N, C-alpha and C. Protein backbone atom coordinates (compact mmCIF):
# COMPACT_ATOMS: atom_id res chain seq x y z
N MET A 1 18.83 19.21 17.02
CA MET A 1 19.18 17.85 17.27
C MET A 1 18.85 17.03 16.07
N TYR A 2 19.81 16.20 15.70
CA TYR A 2 19.69 15.37 14.47
C TYR A 2 19.80 13.92 14.78
N ILE A 3 19.05 13.10 14.05
CA ILE A 3 19.17 11.65 14.08
C ILE A 3 19.44 11.17 12.66
N ASN A 4 20.60 10.56 12.39
CA ASN A 4 20.93 10.06 11.11
C ASN A 4 20.84 11.19 10.08
N GLU A 5 21.42 12.37 10.39
CA GLU A 5 21.47 13.53 9.53
C GLU A 5 20.07 14.08 9.17
N THR A 6 19.09 13.77 9.96
CA THR A 6 17.71 14.33 9.73
C THR A 6 17.25 14.94 11.04
N HIS A 7 16.70 16.19 10.91
CA HIS A 7 16.30 16.89 12.09
C HIS A 7 15.18 16.15 12.77
N ILE A 8 15.20 16.20 14.13
CA ILE A 8 14.24 15.40 14.93
C ILE A 8 12.80 15.91 14.73
N LEU A 9 12.61 17.14 14.28
CA LEU A 9 11.29 17.65 14.01
C LEU A 9 10.66 16.90 12.83
N TYR A 10 11.46 16.54 11.89
CA TYR A 10 10.92 15.73 10.74
C TYR A 10 10.41 14.36 11.26
N TYR A 11 11.12 13.77 12.22
CA TYR A 11 10.63 12.48 12.79
C TYR A 11 9.26 12.67 13.52
N ALA A 12 9.11 13.81 14.22
CA ALA A 12 7.87 14.04 14.94
C ALA A 12 6.76 14.24 13.91
N ILE A 13 6.99 15.04 12.86
CA ILE A 13 5.97 15.23 11.79
C ILE A 13 5.59 13.95 11.16
N VAL A 14 6.56 13.14 10.79
CA VAL A 14 6.34 11.83 10.13
C VAL A 14 5.60 10.92 11.07
N ALA A 15 5.92 10.93 12.34
CA ALA A 15 5.17 10.10 13.31
C ALA A 15 3.69 10.48 13.40
N ILE A 16 3.42 11.73 13.44
CA ILE A 16 2.04 12.21 13.46
C ILE A 16 1.32 11.89 12.20
N LEU A 17 2.02 12.06 11.05
CA LEU A 17 1.45 11.69 9.78
C LEU A 17 1.15 10.21 9.72
N GLY A 18 2.01 9.37 10.29
CA GLY A 18 1.79 7.94 10.37
C GLY A 18 0.56 7.61 11.19
N LEU A 19 0.29 8.30 12.26
CA LEU A 19 -0.89 8.06 13.08
C LEU A 19 -2.17 8.34 12.23
N PHE A 20 -2.15 9.47 11.47
CA PHE A 20 -3.32 9.76 10.63
C PHE A 20 -3.47 8.80 9.49
N VAL A 21 -2.40 8.38 8.88
CA VAL A 21 -2.46 7.39 7.84
C VAL A 21 -2.95 6.05 8.37
N GLY A 22 -2.47 5.67 9.55
CA GLY A 22 -2.97 4.39 10.17
C GLY A 22 -4.44 4.43 10.45
N MET A 23 -4.94 5.64 10.86
CA MET A 23 -6.37 5.78 11.02
C MET A 23 -7.16 5.58 9.69
N PHE A 24 -6.54 6.17 8.64
CA PHE A 24 -7.14 6.01 7.31
C PHE A 24 -7.10 4.58 6.84
N VAL A 25 -6.00 3.88 7.13
CA VAL A 25 -5.90 2.45 6.73
C VAL A 25 -7.00 1.66 7.46
N ASP A 26 -7.23 1.91 8.70
CA ASP A 26 -8.30 1.27 9.45
C ASP A 26 -9.63 1.54 8.78
N TRP A 27 -9.88 2.77 8.37
CA TRP A 27 -11.10 3.16 7.67
C TRP A 27 -11.23 2.37 6.39
N MET A 28 -10.14 2.26 5.64
CA MET A 28 -10.13 1.50 4.36
C MET A 28 -10.49 0.04 4.66
N ASN A 29 -9.92 -0.47 5.72
CA ASN A 29 -10.17 -1.93 6.00
C ASN A 29 -11.67 -2.23 6.29
N LYS A 30 -12.36 -1.21 6.76
CA LYS A 30 -13.79 -1.42 7.07
C LYS A 30 -14.67 -1.14 5.82
N ARG A 31 -14.17 -0.35 4.88
CA ARG A 31 -15.02 0.02 3.77
C ARG A 31 -14.73 -0.85 2.46
N LEU A 32 -13.48 -1.16 2.22
CA LEU A 32 -13.17 -1.92 1.01
C LEU A 32 -13.83 -3.28 0.92
N PRO A 33 -13.83 -4.16 1.95
CA PRO A 33 -14.49 -5.47 1.79
C PRO A 33 -15.97 -5.33 1.50
N ASP A 34 -16.63 -4.26 1.93
CA ASP A 34 -18.04 -4.09 1.62
C ASP A 34 -18.31 -3.44 0.31
N TYR A 35 -17.29 -3.16 -0.49
CA TYR A 35 -17.39 -2.50 -1.79
C TYR A 35 -17.99 -1.12 -1.63
N LYS A 36 -17.68 -0.45 -0.58
CA LYS A 36 -18.13 0.93 -0.29
C LYS A 36 -17.00 1.89 -0.71
N LYS A 37 -17.40 3.08 -1.14
CA LYS A 37 -16.41 4.07 -1.44
C LYS A 37 -15.58 4.50 -0.22
N VAL A 38 -14.29 4.62 -0.40
CA VAL A 38 -13.45 5.03 0.73
C VAL A 38 -13.63 6.51 0.93
N PHE A 39 -13.63 7.30 -0.15
CA PHE A 39 -13.88 8.73 -0.12
C PHE A 39 -15.32 8.99 -0.57
N SER A 40 -16.14 9.45 0.37
CA SER A 40 -17.53 9.73 0.02
C SER A 40 -17.98 11.01 0.77
N LYS A 41 -19.21 11.45 0.45
CA LYS A 41 -19.72 12.60 1.09
C LYS A 41 -19.99 12.40 2.58
N GLU A 42 -20.30 11.13 2.88
CA GLU A 42 -20.65 10.76 4.29
C GLU A 42 -19.43 10.44 5.14
N ILE A 43 -18.18 10.67 4.61
CA ILE A 43 -17.01 10.21 5.36
C ILE A 43 -16.92 10.81 6.71
N PHE A 44 -17.22 12.06 6.91
CA PHE A 44 -17.10 12.67 8.22
C PHE A 44 -18.21 12.31 9.17
N THR A 45 -19.42 12.24 8.61
CA THR A 45 -20.58 11.85 9.47
C THR A 45 -20.43 10.40 9.96
N GLU A 46 -20.14 9.49 9.05
CA GLU A 46 -19.96 8.09 9.40
C GLU A 46 -18.75 7.83 10.26
N TYR A 47 -17.64 8.55 9.90
CA TYR A 47 -16.40 8.28 10.58
C TYR A 47 -16.54 8.70 12.07
N PHE A 48 -17.09 9.89 12.34
CA PHE A 48 -17.11 10.34 13.75
C PHE A 48 -18.25 9.75 14.51
N ALA A 49 -19.35 9.28 13.81
CA ALA A 49 -20.48 8.75 14.54
C ALA A 49 -20.34 7.30 14.91
N GLU A 50 -19.77 6.47 14.07
CA GLU A 50 -19.76 4.97 14.34
C GLU A 50 -18.42 4.34 14.26
N PHE A 51 -17.37 5.02 13.88
CA PHE A 51 -16.04 4.43 13.72
C PHE A 51 -15.22 4.44 14.94
N LYS A 52 -14.73 3.29 15.36
CA LYS A 52 -13.80 3.21 16.52
C LYS A 52 -12.41 2.81 15.93
N PRO A 53 -11.44 3.69 15.97
CA PRO A 53 -10.17 3.46 15.38
C PRO A 53 -9.35 2.30 16.10
N ASN A 54 -8.52 1.62 15.31
CA ASN A 54 -7.65 0.58 15.83
C ASN A 54 -6.33 1.26 16.22
N TYR A 55 -6.05 1.50 17.47
CA TYR A 55 -4.87 2.27 17.82
C TYR A 55 -3.62 1.45 17.58
N ILE A 56 -3.64 0.17 17.65
CA ILE A 56 -2.47 -0.63 17.38
C ILE A 56 -2.03 -0.45 15.93
N LEU A 57 -2.94 -0.47 15.00
CA LEU A 57 -2.65 -0.26 13.58
C LEU A 57 -2.13 1.16 13.38
N MET A 58 -2.59 2.13 14.09
CA MET A 58 -2.15 3.46 13.98
C MET A 58 -0.69 3.56 14.44
N LEU A 59 -0.41 2.93 15.57
CA LEU A 59 0.96 2.99 16.08
C LEU A 59 1.95 2.22 15.21
N ILE A 60 1.50 1.05 14.61
CA ILE A 60 2.35 0.29 13.73
C ILE A 60 2.71 1.14 12.48
N THR A 61 1.68 1.79 11.92
CA THR A 61 1.89 2.66 10.75
C THR A 61 2.89 3.75 11.07
N SER A 62 2.71 4.38 12.22
CA SER A 62 3.60 5.51 12.61
C SER A 62 5.00 4.99 12.83
N ALA A 63 5.15 3.85 13.42
CA ALA A 63 6.53 3.28 13.65
C ALA A 63 7.22 2.94 12.30
N ILE A 64 6.40 2.43 11.33
CA ILE A 64 6.96 2.09 10.07
C ILE A 64 7.39 3.36 9.33
N TYR A 65 6.57 4.40 9.45
CA TYR A 65 6.95 5.67 8.73
C TYR A 65 8.20 6.25 9.39
N VAL A 66 8.37 6.20 10.74
CA VAL A 66 9.56 6.73 11.34
C VAL A 66 10.80 5.87 10.91
N ALA A 67 10.62 4.54 10.84
CA ALA A 67 11.70 3.68 10.39
C ALA A 67 12.09 3.98 8.96
N LEU A 68 11.13 4.21 8.10
CA LEU A 68 11.46 4.58 6.70
C LEU A 68 12.19 5.88 6.65
N LEU A 69 11.84 6.88 7.41
CA LEU A 69 12.57 8.10 7.46
C LEU A 69 13.99 7.84 7.97
N TYR A 70 14.16 7.01 8.96
CA TYR A 70 15.43 6.73 9.55
C TYR A 70 16.35 6.07 8.46
N PHE A 71 15.81 5.06 7.75
CA PHE A 71 16.68 4.32 6.76
C PHE A 71 16.92 5.10 5.49
N TYR A 72 15.94 5.89 5.03
CA TYR A 72 16.13 6.62 3.77
C TYR A 72 16.52 8.06 3.89
N GLY A 73 16.13 8.70 5.01
CA GLY A 73 16.47 10.09 5.22
C GLY A 73 15.80 11.00 4.23
N ILE A 74 16.07 12.25 4.36
CA ILE A 74 15.54 13.25 3.40
C ILE A 74 16.67 13.79 2.57
N LYS A 75 16.56 13.65 1.29
CA LYS A 75 17.61 14.02 0.31
C LYS A 75 17.33 15.38 -0.23
N ASP A 76 18.14 15.84 -1.19
CA ASP A 76 18.02 17.18 -1.74
C ASP A 76 16.96 17.31 -2.90
N THR A 77 16.84 16.26 -3.72
CA THR A 77 15.98 16.34 -4.85
C THR A 77 14.77 15.37 -4.71
N PHE A 78 13.79 15.64 -5.56
CA PHE A 78 12.60 14.78 -5.60
C PHE A 78 12.95 13.32 -6.00
N ILE A 79 13.71 13.23 -6.98
CA ILE A 79 14.05 11.88 -7.57
C ILE A 79 14.88 11.15 -6.47
N ALA A 80 15.73 11.80 -5.74
CA ALA A 80 16.53 11.14 -4.70
C ALA A 80 15.67 10.71 -3.50
N ASN A 81 14.54 11.38 -3.29
CA ASN A 81 13.58 11.00 -2.26
C ASN A 81 12.54 9.99 -2.71
N LEU A 82 12.58 9.55 -3.94
CA LEU A 82 11.57 8.73 -4.49
C LEU A 82 11.40 7.38 -3.76
N ASP A 83 12.51 6.87 -3.23
CA ASP A 83 12.40 5.58 -2.49
C ASP A 83 11.59 5.82 -1.22
N LEU A 84 11.77 6.92 -0.53
CA LEU A 84 11.06 7.19 0.65
C LEU A 84 9.60 7.43 0.34
N ILE A 85 9.36 8.18 -0.73
CA ILE A 85 7.95 8.44 -1.12
C ILE A 85 7.27 7.23 -1.50
N LYS A 86 7.98 6.34 -2.29
CA LYS A 86 7.33 5.12 -2.78
C LYS A 86 6.89 4.24 -1.58
N PHE A 87 7.71 4.08 -0.62
CA PHE A 87 7.41 3.21 0.51
C PHE A 87 6.33 3.81 1.44
N MET A 88 6.33 5.14 1.51
CA MET A 88 5.33 5.76 2.32
C MET A 88 3.95 5.73 1.64
N ILE A 89 3.91 5.58 0.38
CA ILE A 89 2.60 5.46 -0.34
C ILE A 89 2.20 4.01 -0.28
N LEU A 90 3.06 3.10 -0.55
CA LEU A 90 2.72 1.67 -0.62
C LEU A 90 2.54 0.99 0.75
N THR A 91 3.14 1.48 1.80
CA THR A 91 2.97 0.88 3.13
C THR A 91 1.54 0.82 3.58
N PRO A 92 0.79 1.88 3.51
CA PRO A 92 -0.62 1.78 3.97
C PRO A 92 -1.46 0.78 3.15
N MET A 93 -1.18 0.67 1.89
CA MET A 93 -1.92 -0.21 1.03
C MET A 93 -1.54 -1.69 1.39
N LEU A 94 -0.30 -1.90 1.57
CA LEU A 94 0.15 -3.26 1.97
C LEU A 94 -0.35 -3.67 3.34
N LEU A 95 -0.39 -2.71 4.27
CA LEU A 95 -0.94 -3.00 5.63
C LEU A 95 -2.43 -3.29 5.45
N SER A 96 -3.13 -2.57 4.70
CA SER A 96 -4.55 -2.76 4.48
C SER A 96 -4.76 -4.17 3.84
N ALA A 97 -3.99 -4.48 2.81
CA ALA A 97 -4.11 -5.81 2.19
C ALA A 97 -3.85 -6.94 3.25
N PHE A 98 -2.90 -6.73 4.11
CA PHE A 98 -2.57 -7.73 5.11
C PHE A 98 -3.75 -7.89 6.07
N VAL A 99 -4.28 -6.81 6.55
CA VAL A 99 -5.32 -6.91 7.60
C VAL A 99 -6.63 -7.48 7.02
N ILE A 100 -6.99 -7.07 5.76
CA ILE A 100 -8.21 -7.57 5.16
C ILE A 100 -8.04 -9.09 4.85
N ASP A 101 -6.86 -9.41 4.35
CA ASP A 101 -6.59 -10.79 4.03
C ASP A 101 -6.60 -11.66 5.30
N TYR A 102 -6.06 -11.15 6.39
CA TYR A 102 -6.08 -11.91 7.66
C TYR A 102 -7.50 -12.08 8.18
N ARG A 103 -8.29 -11.05 8.09
CA ARG A 103 -9.65 -11.13 8.62
C ARG A 103 -10.59 -11.92 7.75
N LEU A 104 -10.58 -11.71 6.42
CA LEU A 104 -11.58 -12.24 5.53
C LEU A 104 -11.07 -13.23 4.47
N GLN A 105 -9.72 -13.42 4.39
CA GLN A 105 -9.10 -14.25 3.42
C GLN A 105 -9.39 -13.73 1.96
N ILE A 106 -9.48 -12.50 1.77
CA ILE A 106 -9.60 -11.91 0.43
C ILE A 106 -8.69 -10.64 0.39
N ILE A 107 -8.30 -10.31 -0.82
CA ILE A 107 -7.64 -9.00 -1.06
C ILE A 107 -8.47 -8.32 -2.11
N PRO A 108 -9.07 -7.17 -1.82
CA PRO A 108 -9.96 -6.52 -2.81
C PRO A 108 -9.19 -6.12 -4.04
N ASN A 109 -9.85 -6.37 -5.19
CA ASN A 109 -9.20 -6.06 -6.49
C ASN A 109 -8.93 -4.60 -6.63
N ARG A 110 -9.75 -3.73 -6.06
CA ARG A 110 -9.48 -2.30 -6.14
C ARG A 110 -8.17 -1.88 -5.50
N LEU A 111 -7.83 -2.57 -4.41
CA LEU A 111 -6.55 -2.36 -3.75
C LEU A 111 -5.40 -2.85 -4.60
N ASN A 112 -5.50 -4.01 -5.19
CA ASN A 112 -4.41 -4.52 -6.08
C ASN A 112 -4.25 -3.62 -7.33
N LEU A 113 -5.29 -3.18 -7.87
CA LEU A 113 -5.24 -2.31 -9.08
C LEU A 113 -4.60 -0.97 -8.68
N THR A 114 -4.90 -0.43 -7.56
CA THR A 114 -4.32 0.86 -7.11
C THR A 114 -2.86 0.70 -6.87
N MET A 115 -2.44 -0.40 -6.30
CA MET A 115 -1.00 -0.59 -6.11
C MET A 115 -0.31 -0.74 -7.46
N PHE A 116 -0.94 -1.46 -8.40
CA PHE A 116 -0.35 -1.58 -9.70
C PHE A 116 -0.18 -0.22 -10.39
N GLU A 117 -1.25 0.60 -10.33
CA GLU A 117 -1.19 1.91 -10.99
C GLU A 117 -0.10 2.82 -10.37
N ILE A 118 0.03 2.76 -9.04
CA ILE A 118 1.07 3.51 -8.34
C ILE A 118 2.41 3.03 -8.75
N GLY A 119 2.57 1.71 -8.89
CA GLY A 119 3.82 1.15 -9.36
C GLY A 119 4.21 1.66 -10.76
N LEU A 120 3.23 1.74 -11.61
CA LEU A 120 3.53 2.25 -13.01
C LEU A 120 3.96 3.75 -12.91
N VAL A 121 3.30 4.55 -12.09
CA VAL A 121 3.68 5.94 -11.95
C VAL A 121 5.05 6.08 -11.39
N ILE A 122 5.41 5.29 -10.39
CA ILE A 122 6.71 5.34 -9.78
C ILE A 122 7.76 4.85 -10.75
N ALA A 123 7.49 3.81 -11.52
CA ALA A 123 8.42 3.38 -12.59
C ALA A 123 8.69 4.48 -13.58
N PHE A 124 7.62 5.23 -13.98
CA PHE A 124 7.78 6.31 -14.89
C PHE A 124 8.67 7.37 -14.30
N LEU A 125 8.42 7.74 -12.96
CA LEU A 125 9.27 8.74 -12.33
C LEU A 125 10.73 8.33 -12.23
N TYR A 126 10.96 7.03 -11.97
CA TYR A 126 12.35 6.57 -11.93
C TYR A 126 12.92 6.65 -13.33
N GLY A 127 12.14 6.51 -14.35
CA GLY A 127 12.59 6.56 -15.75
C GLY A 127 13.11 7.98 -16.09
N LEU A 128 12.66 8.98 -15.36
CA LEU A 128 13.14 10.32 -15.62
C LEU A 128 14.64 10.45 -15.30
N SER A 129 15.12 9.58 -14.39
CA SER A 129 16.54 9.65 -14.05
C SER A 129 17.37 8.57 -14.66
N ASP A 130 16.82 7.32 -14.86
CA ASP A 130 17.53 6.24 -15.36
C ASP A 130 16.56 5.21 -15.99
N VAL A 131 16.71 4.99 -17.32
CA VAL A 131 15.80 4.20 -18.06
C VAL A 131 15.97 2.70 -17.68
N ALA A 132 17.22 2.29 -17.34
CA ALA A 132 17.49 0.91 -16.98
C ALA A 132 16.68 0.47 -15.72
N ILE A 133 16.55 1.41 -14.73
CA ILE A 133 15.75 1.08 -13.58
C ILE A 133 14.32 0.83 -13.91
N THR A 134 13.77 1.66 -14.84
CA THR A 134 12.41 1.52 -15.26
C THR A 134 12.20 0.22 -15.96
N ILE A 135 13.11 -0.21 -16.80
CA ILE A 135 12.98 -1.47 -17.53
C ILE A 135 13.00 -2.63 -16.52
N ASN A 136 13.87 -2.61 -15.60
CA ASN A 136 13.94 -3.62 -14.54
C ASN A 136 12.59 -3.67 -13.66
N MET A 137 12.11 -2.52 -13.35
CA MET A 137 10.86 -2.49 -12.58
C MET A 137 9.70 -2.97 -13.42
N ALA A 138 9.63 -2.63 -14.70
CA ALA A 138 8.51 -3.12 -15.55
C ALA A 138 8.61 -4.69 -15.72
N LEU A 139 9.86 -5.19 -15.93
CA LEU A 139 10.00 -6.61 -16.02
C LEU A 139 9.59 -7.41 -14.73
N GLY A 140 9.97 -6.77 -13.65
CA GLY A 140 9.54 -7.31 -12.33
C GLY A 140 8.05 -7.30 -12.12
N MET A 141 7.40 -6.27 -12.56
CA MET A 141 5.95 -6.22 -12.44
C MET A 141 5.29 -7.26 -13.36
N LEU A 142 5.84 -7.40 -14.56
CA LEU A 142 5.33 -8.43 -15.48
C LEU A 142 5.56 -9.86 -14.93
N ALA A 143 6.72 -10.10 -14.36
CA ALA A 143 6.99 -11.40 -13.84
C ALA A 143 6.10 -11.72 -12.60
N GLY A 144 5.97 -10.82 -11.73
CA GLY A 144 5.13 -10.94 -10.54
C GLY A 144 3.65 -11.10 -10.89
N GLY A 145 3.16 -10.29 -11.81
CA GLY A 145 1.81 -10.35 -12.29
C GLY A 145 1.55 -11.68 -13.05
N GLY A 146 2.56 -12.09 -13.82
CA GLY A 146 2.40 -13.36 -14.58
C GLY A 146 2.30 -14.55 -13.69
N ILE A 147 3.03 -14.62 -12.61
CA ILE A 147 2.93 -15.67 -11.66
C ILE A 147 1.49 -15.76 -11.08
N PHE A 148 0.99 -14.59 -10.69
CA PHE A 148 -0.42 -14.64 -10.09
C PHE A 148 -1.45 -14.94 -11.18
N LEU A 149 -1.19 -14.50 -12.44
CA LEU A 149 -2.11 -14.80 -13.54
C LEU A 149 -2.13 -16.32 -13.76
N LEU A 150 -0.91 -16.96 -13.73
CA LEU A 150 -0.80 -18.38 -13.94
C LEU A 150 -1.55 -19.08 -12.84
N ILE A 151 -1.40 -18.68 -11.56
CA ILE A 151 -2.11 -19.31 -10.45
C ILE A 151 -3.63 -19.19 -10.63
N THR A 152 -4.08 -18.07 -11.06
CA THR A 152 -5.52 -17.82 -11.27
C THR A 152 -6.01 -18.75 -12.39
N LEU A 153 -5.28 -18.85 -13.49
CA LEU A 153 -5.73 -19.68 -14.61
C LEU A 153 -5.79 -21.16 -14.22
N ILE A 154 -4.82 -21.61 -13.50
CA ILE A 154 -4.77 -23.03 -13.01
C ILE A 154 -5.97 -23.24 -12.04
N GLY A 155 -6.19 -22.33 -11.16
CA GLY A 155 -7.27 -22.45 -10.18
C GLY A 155 -8.62 -22.52 -10.90
N ARG A 156 -8.82 -21.68 -11.92
CA ARG A 156 -10.10 -21.65 -12.61
C ARG A 156 -10.32 -22.93 -13.40
N SER A 157 -9.21 -23.43 -14.03
CA SER A 157 -9.43 -24.66 -14.81
C SER A 157 -9.76 -25.79 -13.91
N ASN A 158 -9.14 -25.90 -12.68
CA ASN A 158 -9.52 -26.95 -11.77
C ASN A 158 -11.00 -26.86 -11.30
N ILE A 159 -11.47 -25.64 -11.06
CA ILE A 159 -12.79 -25.41 -10.66
C ILE A 159 -13.77 -25.88 -11.81
N TRP A 160 -13.40 -25.51 -13.02
CA TRP A 160 -14.20 -25.89 -14.16
C TRP A 160 -14.20 -27.42 -14.36
N LYS A 161 -13.11 -28.06 -14.17
CA LYS A 161 -13.07 -29.58 -14.34
C LYS A 161 -13.90 -30.21 -13.25
N ARG A 162 -13.89 -29.69 -12.01
CA ARG A 162 -14.68 -30.28 -10.93
C ARG A 162 -16.19 -30.09 -11.20
N SER A 163 -16.55 -28.88 -11.70
CA SER A 163 -17.97 -28.65 -11.91
C SER A 163 -18.56 -29.42 -13.04
N HIS A 164 -17.72 -29.82 -13.99
CA HIS A 164 -18.19 -30.64 -15.16
C HIS A 164 -17.93 -32.08 -14.93
N GLY A 165 -17.51 -32.52 -13.80
CA GLY A 165 -17.37 -33.96 -13.51
C GLY A 165 -16.21 -34.62 -14.23
N ILE A 166 -15.16 -33.82 -14.61
CA ILE A 166 -14.00 -34.42 -15.28
C ILE A 166 -13.11 -35.12 -14.30
N TRP A 167 -13.11 -34.64 -13.06
CA TRP A 167 -12.17 -35.23 -12.03
C TRP A 167 -12.94 -36.31 -11.34
């Protein structure tokens, strides 16, 4: 049985993978704001002893993974599947950023830097097939990062002016 030219077994596997990734995202949401390591020696003892997973987040992650598989499907080559892989890697990080930002009004820098590094790797992999795509992706990263850098610099200068009584 096939859905959108993809065997239904792939959907079941991706849904189960999404549940586990959602559980990991919930684990990250509890560890990152406290500046604790996400991967540590104590991961299994702490995880099973005191961690209560958020089942809604797990189901949302699983549904997003199934939707990604539905929209992008499974192609023949690795480069053709890069869109699916890219979104399956970045989705948990964006969900984690959303949840942490909603709860604490911060986004951990480690999470932002990890997304940036993955973006560079994906841009390089796209460059293996087409250099124009890589140039566009690099310019987009520079423009997006530049906007946030500008916001940070303006915010810091206003804080400095207020602390020195210029305003």
